[in-house]
């Protein structure tokens, strides 16, 4: 497998988990930078779920189905469910988020990590 790139959407195996950590094999977007992705066996992902709050919370970014994302239903990138994972957890590449959606992911990530006020 070539190295995973930022913005790419993969099916990721999150199990085993503890408590309220996001579970099962589900889509996730690569949020780690590509230099680290190229040289590290670990990457950082944000989980994607089809179950989310309405309206979405500031730490969630809605992604419509279809297009290049590879998602089959309206979903949300959940930026308080980020995780470092071994590349072996990446099961299948689904697609890629467009640049506009990824900018929204970046903003929500900053909110989730407390890097900006909201």
N, C-alpha and C. Protein backbone atom coordinates (compact mmCIF):
# COMPACT_ATOMS: atom_id res chain seq x y z
N UNK A 1 0.85 -1.19 0.00
CA UNK A 1 0.00 0.00 0.00
C UNK A 1 0.89 1.24 0.00
N UNK A 2 0.58 2.19 -0.85
CA UNK A 2 1.27 3.48 -0.77
C UNK A 2 0.81 4.15 0.51
N UNK A 3 1.54 5.16 0.93
CA UNK A 3 1.19 5.77 2.21
C UNK A 3 -0.14 6.51 2.12
N UNK A 4 -0.88 6.52 3.24
CA UNK A 4 -2.16 7.23 3.25
C UNK A 4 -1.93 8.73 3.19
N UNK A 5 -2.78 9.43 2.49
CA UNK A 5 -2.62 10.89 2.35
C UNK A 5 -3.74 11.62 3.07
N UNK A 6 -3.39 12.81 3.53
CA UNK A 6 -4.36 13.68 4.18
C UNK A 6 -5.57 13.89 3.25
N UNK A 7 -6.77 13.97 3.83
CA UNK A 7 -8.05 14.15 3.14
C UNK A 7 -8.65 12.84 2.65
N UNK A 8 -7.87 11.75 2.58
CA UNK A 8 -8.40 10.49 2.07
C UNK A 8 -9.33 9.87 3.11
N UNK A 9 -10.38 9.22 2.62
CA UNK A 9 -11.34 8.53 3.47
C UNK A 9 -11.09 7.03 3.34
N UNK A 10 -10.93 6.37 4.47
CA UNK A 10 -10.69 4.93 4.54
C UNK A 10 -11.72 4.28 5.45
N UNK A 11 -11.99 3.00 5.22
CA UNK A 11 -12.64 2.19 6.25
C UNK A 11 -11.55 1.85 7.26
N UNK A 12 -11.81 2.11 8.53
CA UNK A 12 -10.82 1.91 9.58
C UNK A 12 -11.41 0.99 10.64
N UNK A 13 -10.64 0.01 11.06
CA UNK A 13 -11.05 -0.88 12.15
C UNK A 13 -10.66 -0.25 13.48
N UNK A 14 -11.64 0.23 14.24
CA UNK A 14 -11.37 0.91 15.51
C UNK A 14 -11.36 -0.05 16.71
N UNK A 15 -11.84 -1.27 16.54
CA UNK A 15 -11.89 -2.21 17.67
C UNK A 15 -10.52 -2.83 17.90
N UNK A 16 -10.16 -3.13 19.14
CA UNK A 16 -10.96 -3.03 20.36
C UNK A 16 -10.98 -1.60 20.90
N UNK A 17 -12.05 -1.30 21.62
CA UNK A 17 -12.22 0.03 22.22
C UNK A 17 -12.59 -0.12 23.69
N UNK A 18 -12.59 1.00 24.39
CA UNK A 18 -12.99 1.04 25.80
C UNK A 18 -13.98 2.19 25.96
N UNK A 19 -15.02 1.97 26.76
CA UNK A 19 -15.95 3.04 27.12
C UNK A 19 -16.62 3.69 25.93
N UNK A 20 -16.47 5.01 25.83
CA UNK A 20 -17.18 5.78 24.81
C UNK A 20 -16.36 6.03 23.55
N UNK A 21 -15.24 5.34 23.39
CA UNK A 21 -14.48 5.48 22.15
C UNK A 21 -15.32 4.96 20.99
N UNK A 22 -15.18 5.59 19.84
CA UNK A 22 -15.95 5.17 18.67
C UNK A 22 -15.54 3.75 18.29
N UNK A 23 -16.53 2.96 17.89
CA UNK A 23 -16.32 1.53 17.70
C UNK A 23 -16.50 1.09 16.26
N UNK A 24 -16.18 -0.12 16.03
CA UNK A 24 -16.37 -0.94 14.83
C UNK A 24 -15.55 -0.42 13.64
N UNK A 25 -15.70 -1.09 12.53
CA UNK A 25 -15.06 -0.66 11.29
C UNK A 25 -15.98 0.35 10.63
N UNK A 26 -15.44 1.55 10.39
CA UNK A 26 -16.25 2.65 9.87
C UNK A 26 -15.36 3.58 9.07
N UNK A 27 -15.96 4.48 8.31
CA UNK A 27 -15.15 5.46 7.58
C UNK A 27 -14.44 6.41 8.55
N UNK A 28 -13.30 6.88 8.11
CA UNK A 28 -12.54 7.91 8.83
C UNK A 28 -11.71 8.66 7.80
N UNK A 29 -11.40 9.90 8.13
CA UNK A 29 -10.58 10.72 7.24
C UNK A 29 -9.19 10.88 7.84
N UNK A 30 -8.17 10.80 6.99
CA UNK A 30 -6.79 11.01 7.42
C UNK A 30 -6.61 12.50 7.68
N UNK A 31 -6.17 12.87 8.90
CA UNK A 31 -5.95 14.28 9.23
C UNK A 31 -4.48 14.59 9.49
N UNK A 32 -3.64 13.58 9.53
CA UNK A 32 -2.20 13.80 9.74
C UNK A 32 -1.57 14.35 8.46
N UNK A 33 -0.49 15.12 8.63
CA UNK A 33 0.21 15.69 7.47
C UNK A 33 0.89 14.60 6.64
N UNK A 34 1.09 14.87 5.36
CA UNK A 34 1.60 13.86 4.44
C UNK A 34 3.07 13.51 4.64
N UNK A 35 3.87 14.42 5.18
CA UNK A 35 5.27 14.07 5.47
C UNK A 35 5.30 12.97 6.53
N UNK A 36 4.55 13.16 7.61
CA UNK A 36 4.47 12.12 8.64
C UNK A 36 3.84 10.86 8.09
N UNK A 37 2.81 11.00 7.26
CA UNK A 37 2.16 9.82 6.68
C UNK A 37 3.13 8.99 5.85
N UNK A 38 4.03 9.66 5.15
CA UNK A 38 4.97 8.93 4.28
C UNK A 38 5.97 8.11 5.08
N UNK A 39 6.42 8.63 6.22
CA UNK A 39 7.53 7.99 6.93
C UNK A 39 7.14 7.25 8.20
N UNK A 40 5.92 7.40 8.66
CA UNK A 40 5.50 6.76 9.91
C UNK A 40 4.54 5.60 9.64
N UNK A 41 4.64 4.53 10.43
CA UNK A 41 3.66 3.44 10.31
C UNK A 41 2.33 3.79 10.99
N UNK A 42 2.29 4.94 11.64
CA UNK A 42 1.11 5.42 12.35
C UNK A 42 0.56 6.63 11.61
N UNK A 43 -0.76 6.77 11.58
CA UNK A 43 -1.38 7.99 11.06
C UNK A 43 -2.45 8.45 12.04
N UNK A 44 -2.96 9.63 11.84
CA UNK A 44 -4.01 10.17 12.69
C UNK A 44 -5.27 10.32 11.85
N UNK A 45 -6.38 9.79 12.39
CA UNK A 45 -7.66 9.82 11.67
C UNK A 45 -8.74 10.47 12.53
N UNK A 46 -9.78 10.94 11.87
CA UNK A 46 -11.00 11.39 12.54
C UNK A 46 -12.13 10.50 12.06
N UNK A 47 -12.85 9.93 13.00
CA UNK A 47 -13.94 9.02 12.68
C UNK A 47 -15.08 9.75 11.98
N UNK A 48 -15.79 9.00 11.15
CA UNK A 48 -16.97 9.50 10.45
C UNK A 48 -18.15 8.63 10.85
N UNK A 49 -19.28 9.28 11.15
CA UNK A 49 -20.47 8.55 11.58
C UNK A 49 -21.70 9.07 10.85
N UNK A 50 -22.64 8.16 10.60
CA UNK A 50 -23.91 8.58 10.00
C UNK A 50 -24.91 9.01 11.07
N UNK A 51 -24.53 8.89 12.34
CA UNK A 51 -25.38 9.34 13.44
C UNK A 51 -24.71 10.54 14.10
N UNK A 52 -25.40 11.68 14.07
CA UNK A 52 -24.83 12.91 14.60
C UNK A 52 -25.95 13.83 15.06
N UNK A 53 -25.59 14.84 15.84
CA UNK A 53 -26.57 15.77 16.39
C UNK A 53 -27.15 16.66 15.29
N UNK A 54 -28.41 17.06 15.49
CA UNK A 54 -29.05 18.02 14.58
C UNK A 54 -29.51 19.21 15.40
N UNK A 55 -29.01 20.40 15.17
CA UNK A 55 -27.95 20.71 14.21
C UNK A 55 -26.61 20.14 14.69
N UNK A 56 -25.66 20.00 13.77
CA UNK A 56 -24.36 19.44 14.17
C UNK A 56 -23.65 20.35 15.17
N UNK A 57 -22.86 19.74 16.04
CA UNK A 57 -22.06 20.49 17.01
C UNK A 57 -20.89 21.16 16.30
N UNK A 58 -20.28 22.17 16.92
CA UNK A 58 -19.14 22.85 16.28
C UNK A 58 -17.97 21.92 15.95
N UNK A 59 -17.89 20.78 16.62
CA UNK A 59 -16.80 19.83 16.38
C UNK A 59 -17.18 18.75 15.36
N UNK A 60 -18.28 18.93 14.66
CA UNK A 60 -18.75 17.99 13.64
C UNK A 60 -18.87 18.68 12.29
N UNK A 61 -18.48 17.98 11.24
CA UNK A 61 -18.57 18.52 9.87
C UNK A 61 -19.40 17.55 9.03
N UNK A 62 -20.48 18.05 8.46
CA UNK A 62 -21.37 17.22 7.65
C UNK A 62 -20.76 16.99 6.27
N UNK A 63 -20.87 15.73 5.83
CA UNK A 63 -20.40 15.35 4.49
C UNK A 63 -21.57 14.68 3.78
N UNK A 64 -21.93 15.21 2.61
CA UNK A 64 -23.02 14.65 1.82
C UNK A 64 -22.56 13.35 1.16
N UNK A 65 -23.50 12.44 0.90
CA UNK A 65 -23.12 11.20 0.21
C UNK A 65 -22.78 11.47 -1.25
N UNK A 66 -22.15 10.49 -1.86
CA UNK A 66 -21.80 10.62 -3.27
C UNK A 66 -20.54 11.45 -3.45
N UNK A 67 -20.37 11.93 -4.64
CA UNK A 67 -19.16 12.69 -4.93
C UNK A 67 -17.93 11.81 -4.78
N UNK A 68 -16.83 12.44 -4.45
CA UNK A 68 -15.56 11.71 -4.36
C UNK A 68 -15.28 11.15 -2.97
N UNK A 69 -16.15 11.45 -1.99
CA UNK A 69 -15.89 10.99 -0.62
C UNK A 69 -16.02 9.48 -0.47
N UNK A 70 -16.84 8.87 -1.32
CA UNK A 70 -17.07 7.43 -1.21
C UNK A 70 -18.11 7.07 -0.16
N UNK A 71 -18.70 8.07 0.49
CA UNK A 71 -19.71 7.81 1.51
C UNK A 71 -21.07 7.58 0.85
N UNK A 72 -21.86 6.68 1.42
CA UNK A 72 -23.14 6.32 0.82
C UNK A 72 -24.33 6.98 1.51
N UNK A 73 -24.10 7.65 2.65
CA UNK A 73 -25.17 8.37 3.33
C UNK A 73 -24.62 9.62 3.98
N UNK A 74 -25.50 10.58 4.26
CA UNK A 74 -25.07 11.80 4.92
C UNK A 74 -24.41 11.42 6.24
N UNK A 75 -23.23 11.97 6.47
CA UNK A 75 -22.43 11.60 7.64
C UNK A 75 -21.76 12.83 8.21
N UNK A 76 -21.12 12.65 9.36
CA UNK A 76 -20.37 13.74 9.98
C UNK A 76 -18.98 13.26 10.37
N UNK A 77 -18.00 14.10 10.10
CA UNK A 77 -16.66 13.87 10.63
C UNK A 77 -16.73 14.33 12.08
N UNK A 78 -16.38 13.46 13.00
CA UNK A 78 -16.52 13.72 14.44
C UNK A 78 -15.14 14.06 15.00
N UNK A 79 -14.90 15.36 15.20
CA UNK A 79 -13.55 15.81 15.55
C UNK A 79 -13.20 15.68 17.02
N UNK A 80 -14.08 15.13 17.85
CA UNK A 80 -13.66 14.77 19.19
C UNK A 80 -13.42 13.26 19.27
N UNK A 81 -13.44 12.60 18.12
CA UNK A 81 -13.11 11.18 18.02
C UNK A 81 -11.94 11.02 17.05
N UNK A 82 -10.81 11.65 17.40
CA UNK A 82 -9.59 11.50 16.60
C UNK A 82 -8.72 10.45 17.28
N UNK A 83 -7.93 9.76 16.47
CA UNK A 83 -7.15 8.65 17.03
C UNK A 83 -5.92 8.38 16.17
N UNK A 84 -4.83 8.08 16.85
CA UNK A 84 -3.64 7.59 16.16
C UNK A 84 -3.83 6.10 15.93
N UNK A 85 -3.62 5.66 14.70
CA UNK A 85 -3.81 4.25 14.37
C UNK A 85 -2.65 3.75 13.53
N UNK A 86 -2.35 2.48 13.68
CA UNK A 86 -1.39 1.82 12.80
C UNK A 86 -2.02 1.70 11.42
N UNK A 87 -1.20 1.78 10.39
CA UNK A 87 -1.73 1.65 9.02
C UNK A 87 -2.47 0.34 8.80
N UNK A 88 -2.15 -0.69 9.58
CA UNK A 88 -2.82 -1.98 9.43
C UNK A 88 -4.32 -1.88 9.73
N UNK A 89 -4.73 -0.83 10.46
CA UNK A 89 -6.16 -0.64 10.74
C UNK A 89 -6.91 -0.06 9.54
N UNK A 90 -6.19 0.45 8.55
CA UNK A 90 -6.82 1.00 7.34
C UNK A 90 -7.21 -0.16 6.44
N UNK A 91 -8.50 -0.44 6.33
CA UNK A 91 -8.96 -1.62 5.60
C UNK A 91 -9.14 -1.39 4.11
N UNK A 92 -9.72 -0.24 3.74
CA UNK A 92 -10.03 -0.01 2.33
C UNK A 92 -10.17 1.49 2.10
N UNK A 93 -9.59 1.98 1.02
CA UNK A 93 -9.77 3.39 0.66
C UNK A 93 -11.13 3.57 0.01
N UNK A 94 -11.88 4.56 0.50
CA UNK A 94 -13.21 4.84 -0.03
C UNK A 94 -13.22 6.02 -0.98
N UNK A 95 -12.45 7.06 -0.66
CA UNK A 95 -12.49 8.26 -1.48
C UNK A 95 -11.65 9.37 -0.87
N UNK A 96 -12.05 10.60 -1.15
CA UNK A 96 -11.29 11.77 -0.68
C UNK A 96 -12.28 12.91 -0.42
N UNK A 97 -12.03 13.69 0.64
CA UNK A 97 -12.85 14.87 0.91
C UNK A 97 -12.39 16.02 0.02
N UNK A 98 -13.34 16.82 -0.46
CA UNK A 98 -12.98 17.98 -1.27
C UNK A 98 -12.31 19.04 -0.39
N UNK A 99 -11.64 19.99 -1.01
CA UNK A 99 -10.86 20.99 -0.29
C UNK A 99 -11.73 21.85 0.63
N UNK A 100 -12.93 22.19 0.19
CA UNK A 100 -13.83 23.01 1.02
C UNK A 100 -14.23 22.27 2.29
N UNK A 101 -14.60 21.02 2.14
CA UNK A 101 -14.97 20.22 3.32
C UNK A 101 -13.77 20.06 4.25
N UNK A 102 -12.59 19.87 3.67
CA UNK A 102 -11.40 19.69 4.52
C UNK A 102 -11.07 20.97 5.28
N UNK A 103 -11.32 22.14 4.69
CA UNK A 103 -11.12 23.39 5.43
C UNK A 103 -12.06 23.45 6.63
N UNK A 104 -13.29 22.98 6.46
CA UNK A 104 -14.23 22.94 7.57
C UNK A 104 -13.77 21.93 8.63
N UNK A 105 -13.21 20.81 8.19
CA UNK A 105 -12.64 19.83 9.13
C UNK A 105 -11.51 20.48 9.92
N UNK A 106 -10.63 21.20 9.24
CA UNK A 106 -9.52 21.88 9.93
C UNK A 106 -10.04 22.84 10.98
N UNK A 107 -11.07 23.62 10.65
CA UNK A 107 -11.64 24.58 11.60
C UNK A 107 -12.27 23.86 12.80
N UNK A 108 -13.02 22.79 12.54
CA UNK A 108 -13.65 22.04 13.63
C UNK A 108 -12.60 21.34 14.49
N UNK A 109 -11.50 20.92 13.88
CA UNK A 109 -10.41 20.31 14.65
C UNK A 109 -9.79 21.32 15.60
N UNK A 110 -9.60 22.54 15.13
CA UNK A 110 -9.07 23.60 15.99
C UNK A 110 -10.00 23.86 17.16
N UNK A 111 -11.30 23.86 16.92
CA UNK A 111 -12.28 24.04 18.00
C UNK A 111 -12.19 22.88 18.98
N UNK A 112 -12.16 21.66 18.47
CA UNK A 112 -12.11 20.48 19.33
C UNK A 112 -10.87 20.46 20.21
N UNK A 113 -9.74 20.91 19.67
CA UNK A 113 -8.48 20.89 20.42
C UNK A 113 -8.27 22.16 21.26
N UNK A 114 -9.22 23.09 21.19
CA UNK A 114 -9.11 24.32 21.97
C UNK A 114 -8.08 25.29 21.43
N UNK A 115 -7.77 25.20 20.15
CA UNK A 115 -6.78 26.09 19.54
C UNK A 115 -7.39 27.42 19.13
N UNK A 116 -8.72 27.45 18.99
CA UNK A 116 -9.44 28.70 18.72
C UNK A 116 -10.72 28.69 19.56
N UNK A 117 -11.23 29.87 19.83
CA UNK A 117 -12.50 30.00 20.55
C UNK A 117 -13.65 29.88 19.55
N UNK A 118 -14.78 29.42 20.03
CA UNK A 118 -15.96 29.37 19.15
C UNK A 118 -17.15 29.99 19.83
